[in-house]
N, C-alpha and C. Protein backbone atom coordinates (compact mmCIF):
# COMPACT_ATOMS: atom_id res chain seq x y z
N UNK A 1 0.85 -1.17 0.00
CA UNK A 1 0.00 0.00 0.00
C UNK A 1 0.90 1.24 0.00
N UNK A 2 0.44 2.25 -0.66
CA UNK A 2 1.25 3.44 -0.82
C UNK A 2 0.70 4.60 0.00
N UNK A 3 1.52 5.63 0.11
CA UNK A 3 1.10 6.83 0.84
C UNK A 3 -0.12 7.46 0.18
N UNK A 4 -0.17 7.44 -1.14
CA UNK A 4 -1.32 8.02 -1.86
C UNK A 4 -2.61 7.26 -1.51
N UNK A 5 -2.50 5.93 -1.38
CA UNK A 5 -3.69 5.14 -1.01
C UNK A 5 -4.14 5.47 0.41
N UNK A 6 -3.17 5.64 1.30
CA UNK A 6 -3.50 6.00 2.68
C UNK A 6 -4.19 7.35 2.73
N UNK A 7 -3.62 8.34 2.06
CA UNK A 7 -4.21 9.68 2.04
C UNK A 7 -5.62 9.64 1.44
N UNK A 8 -5.79 8.88 0.36
CA UNK A 8 -7.10 8.76 -0.28
C UNK A 8 -8.13 8.15 0.65
N UNK A 9 -7.76 7.10 1.38
CA UNK A 9 -8.69 6.43 2.30
C UNK A 9 -9.10 7.38 3.43
N UNK A 10 -8.16 8.17 3.94
CA UNK A 10 -8.49 9.12 5.01
C UNK A 10 -9.34 10.25 4.46
N UNK A 11 -8.97 10.81 3.31
CA UNK A 11 -9.75 11.91 2.72
C UNK A 11 -11.16 11.48 2.33
N UNK A 12 -11.31 10.24 1.85
CA UNK A 12 -12.62 9.72 1.45
C UNK A 12 -13.42 9.16 2.63
N UNK A 13 -12.83 9.25 3.83
CA UNK A 13 -13.47 8.78 5.06
C UNK A 13 -13.81 7.28 4.99
N UNK A 14 -12.90 6.51 4.39
CA UNK A 14 -13.09 5.06 4.26
C UNK A 14 -12.25 4.27 5.26
N UNK A 15 -11.49 4.97 6.10
CA UNK A 15 -10.69 4.30 7.12
C UNK A 15 -11.35 4.57 8.47
N UNK A 16 -11.85 3.51 9.10
CA UNK A 16 -12.61 3.68 10.34
C UNK A 16 -11.82 3.29 11.57
N UNK A 17 -12.01 4.06 12.62
CA UNK A 17 -11.43 3.77 13.92
C UNK A 17 -12.13 2.53 14.50
N UNK A 18 -11.37 1.53 14.97
CA UNK A 18 -12.00 0.33 15.53
C UNK A 18 -12.68 0.58 16.88
N UNK A 19 -12.34 1.68 17.54
CA UNK A 19 -12.91 1.97 18.86
C UNK A 19 -14.24 2.70 18.75
N UNK A 20 -14.28 3.84 18.03
CA UNK A 20 -15.51 4.64 17.98
C UNK A 20 -16.28 4.48 16.66
N UNK A 21 -15.70 3.76 15.70
CA UNK A 21 -16.34 3.47 14.39
C UNK A 21 -16.54 4.71 13.52
N UNK A 22 -15.86 5.81 13.86
CA UNK A 22 -15.89 7.03 13.05
C UNK A 22 -14.66 7.06 12.15
N UNK A 23 -14.66 7.87 11.09
CA UNK A 23 -13.50 7.93 10.20
C UNK A 23 -12.23 8.42 10.91
N UNK A 24 -11.11 7.76 10.62
CA UNK A 24 -9.81 8.17 11.13
C UNK A 24 -9.49 9.54 10.52
N UNK A 25 -8.99 10.45 11.34
CA UNK A 25 -8.75 11.83 10.91
C UNK A 25 -7.32 12.12 10.50
N UNK A 26 -6.34 11.41 11.10
CA UNK A 26 -4.94 11.76 10.89
C UNK A 26 -4.06 10.53 10.83
N UNK A 27 -2.85 10.76 10.34
CA UNK A 27 -1.81 9.74 10.39
C UNK A 27 -0.49 10.45 10.65
N UNK A 28 0.51 9.67 11.05
CA UNK A 28 1.84 10.23 11.31
C UNK A 28 2.87 9.15 11.03
N UNK A 29 4.07 9.56 10.74
CA UNK A 29 5.23 8.66 10.59
C UNK A 29 5.03 7.53 9.59
N UNK A 30 4.61 7.84 8.38
CA UNK A 30 4.49 6.83 7.33
C UNK A 30 5.89 6.47 6.82
N UNK A 31 6.20 5.19 6.77
CA UNK A 31 7.47 4.72 6.21
C UNK A 31 7.21 3.49 5.35
N UNK A 32 7.96 3.39 4.26
CA UNK A 32 7.92 2.18 3.45
C UNK A 32 9.05 1.28 3.94
N UNK A 33 8.74 0.00 4.13
CA UNK A 33 9.73 -0.94 4.61
C UNK A 33 10.42 -1.60 3.42
N UNK A 34 11.73 -1.61 3.45
CA UNK A 34 12.54 -2.12 2.36
C UNK A 34 12.94 -3.57 2.65
N UNK A 35 12.73 -4.45 1.66
CA UNK A 35 13.15 -5.84 1.84
C UNK A 35 14.54 -6.06 1.27
N UNK A 36 14.88 -5.34 0.17
CA UNK A 36 16.23 -5.46 -0.38
C UNK A 36 16.55 -4.28 -1.28
N UNK A 37 17.83 -3.99 -1.33
CA UNK A 37 18.36 -2.97 -2.23
C UNK A 37 19.49 -3.64 -3.00
N UNK A 38 19.46 -3.51 -4.31
CA UNK A 38 20.51 -4.12 -5.11
C UNK A 38 21.05 -3.14 -6.13
N UNK A 39 22.29 -3.34 -6.47
CA UNK A 39 22.96 -2.44 -7.42
C UNK A 39 24.01 -3.26 -8.17
N UNK A 40 24.00 -3.12 -9.45
CA UNK A 40 25.03 -3.84 -10.20
C UNK A 40 24.90 -3.65 -11.69
N UNK A 41 26.02 -3.53 -12.35
CA UNK A 41 26.12 -3.49 -13.81
C UNK A 41 25.13 -2.53 -14.46
N UNK A 42 25.01 -1.35 -13.90
CA UNK A 42 24.12 -0.35 -14.48
C UNK A 42 22.65 -0.56 -14.19
N UNK A 43 22.35 -1.53 -13.38
CA UNK A 43 20.97 -1.83 -13.02
C UNK A 43 20.87 -1.82 -11.50
N UNK A 44 19.92 -1.06 -10.97
CA UNK A 44 19.76 -1.02 -9.52
C UNK A 44 18.29 -0.90 -9.19
N UNK A 45 17.96 -1.22 -7.95
CA UNK A 45 16.57 -1.12 -7.56
C UNK A 45 16.36 -1.36 -6.08
N UNK A 46 15.16 -1.10 -5.66
CA UNK A 46 14.75 -1.30 -4.29
C UNK A 46 13.46 -2.10 -4.29
N UNK A 47 13.41 -3.15 -3.50
CA UNK A 47 12.19 -3.94 -3.37
C UNK A 47 11.56 -3.60 -2.03
N UNK A 48 10.30 -3.20 -2.09
CA UNK A 48 9.60 -2.79 -0.87
C UNK A 48 8.83 -3.96 -0.27
N UNK A 49 8.74 -3.98 1.04
CA UNK A 49 8.10 -5.05 1.78
C UNK A 49 6.75 -4.62 2.35
N UNK A 50 6.37 -3.39 2.14
CA UNK A 50 5.11 -2.89 2.69
C UNK A 50 5.36 -1.52 3.30
N UNK A 51 4.47 -1.12 4.21
CA UNK A 51 4.61 0.18 4.84
C UNK A 51 4.08 0.12 6.26
N UNK A 52 4.46 1.11 7.03
CA UNK A 52 4.04 1.21 8.43
C UNK A 52 3.63 2.65 8.69
N UNK A 53 2.61 2.84 9.51
CA UNK A 53 2.10 4.17 9.78
C UNK A 53 1.47 4.20 11.18
N UNK A 54 1.45 5.39 11.77
CA UNK A 54 0.72 5.59 13.01
C UNK A 54 -0.61 6.22 12.64
N UNK A 55 -1.70 5.52 12.92
CA UNK A 55 -3.05 6.03 12.68
C UNK A 55 -3.55 6.71 13.94
N UNK A 56 -4.20 7.85 13.78
CA UNK A 56 -4.71 8.63 14.91
C UNK A 56 -6.18 8.92 14.65
N UNK A 57 -7.06 8.47 15.54
CA UNK A 57 -8.49 8.67 15.35
C UNK A 57 -8.81 10.16 15.18
N UNK A 58 -8.52 10.97 16.18
CA UNK A 58 -8.73 12.41 16.08
C UNK A 58 -10.15 12.88 16.28
N UNK A 59 -11.10 11.98 16.55
CA UNK A 59 -12.48 12.37 16.81
C UNK A 59 -12.65 12.71 18.29
N UNK A 60 -13.56 13.62 18.59
CA UNK A 60 -13.81 14.04 19.97
C UNK A 60 -14.14 12.84 20.85
N UNK A 61 -13.48 12.77 21.99
CA UNK A 61 -13.76 11.73 22.96
C UNK A 61 -13.10 10.39 22.67
N UNK A 62 -12.34 10.28 21.60
CA UNK A 62 -11.69 9.01 21.27
C UNK A 62 -10.19 9.24 21.18
N UNK A 63 -9.45 8.54 21.99
CA UNK A 63 -8.00 8.69 22.02
C UNK A 63 -7.26 7.57 21.33
N UNK A 64 -7.95 6.81 20.47
CA UNK A 64 -7.31 5.67 19.80
C UNK A 64 -6.17 6.12 18.90
N UNK A 65 -5.06 5.39 19.00
CA UNK A 65 -3.87 5.65 18.20
C UNK A 65 -3.13 4.33 18.08
N UNK A 66 -2.66 3.98 16.88
CA UNK A 66 -1.98 2.71 16.72
C UNK A 66 -0.91 2.80 15.63
N UNK A 67 0.23 2.23 15.92
CA UNK A 67 1.33 2.08 14.95
C UNK A 67 1.17 0.70 14.34
N UNK A 68 1.00 0.62 13.02
CA UNK A 68 0.71 -0.67 12.40
C UNK A 68 1.24 -0.77 10.98
N UNK A 69 1.52 -1.98 10.56
CA UNK A 69 1.85 -2.24 9.16
C UNK A 69 0.64 -2.84 8.45
N UNK A 70 -0.43 -3.08 9.17
CA UNK A 70 -1.65 -3.66 8.60
C UNK A 70 -2.76 -2.62 8.49
N UNK A 71 -2.39 -1.39 8.17
CA UNK A 71 -3.36 -0.29 8.15
C UNK A 71 -4.44 -0.48 7.10
N UNK A 72 -4.17 -1.23 6.05
CA UNK A 72 -5.20 -1.43 5.02
C UNK A 72 -6.40 -2.20 5.57
N UNK A 73 -6.24 -2.91 6.68
CA UNK A 73 -7.36 -3.65 7.28
C UNK A 73 -8.40 -2.71 7.90
N UNK A 74 -8.07 -1.44 8.10
CA UNK A 74 -9.02 -0.47 8.65
C UNK A 74 -9.83 0.24 7.57
N UNK A 75 -9.54 -0.06 6.31
CA UNK A 75 -10.28 0.57 5.19
C UNK A 75 -11.53 -0.25 4.90
N UNK A 76 -12.66 0.44 4.83
CA UNK A 76 -13.93 -0.22 4.51
C UNK A 76 -14.29 0.08 3.07
N UNK A 77 -14.87 -0.90 2.43
CA UNK A 77 -15.32 -0.75 1.04
C UNK A 77 -16.80 -0.37 1.04
N UNK A 78 -17.20 0.30 -0.01
CA UNK A 78 -18.62 0.72 -0.14
C UNK A 78 -19.53 -0.47 -0.30
């Protein structure tokens, strides 16, 4: 999952807080996890293993906050 997908899910209010069931309002510290980096003979690349982010509910009365690499599980489909 990419940062653009995360931003889209939050902006579209499709990422729900598991505690209060309202849309997640914020995120912090998004990082992509690297599984390998290779370089050789004019060819190089990086293979990504996923991403990790801190999700913050941000709704009144709810203090839920979680650092997770499984953030896509909080996205609901229409």
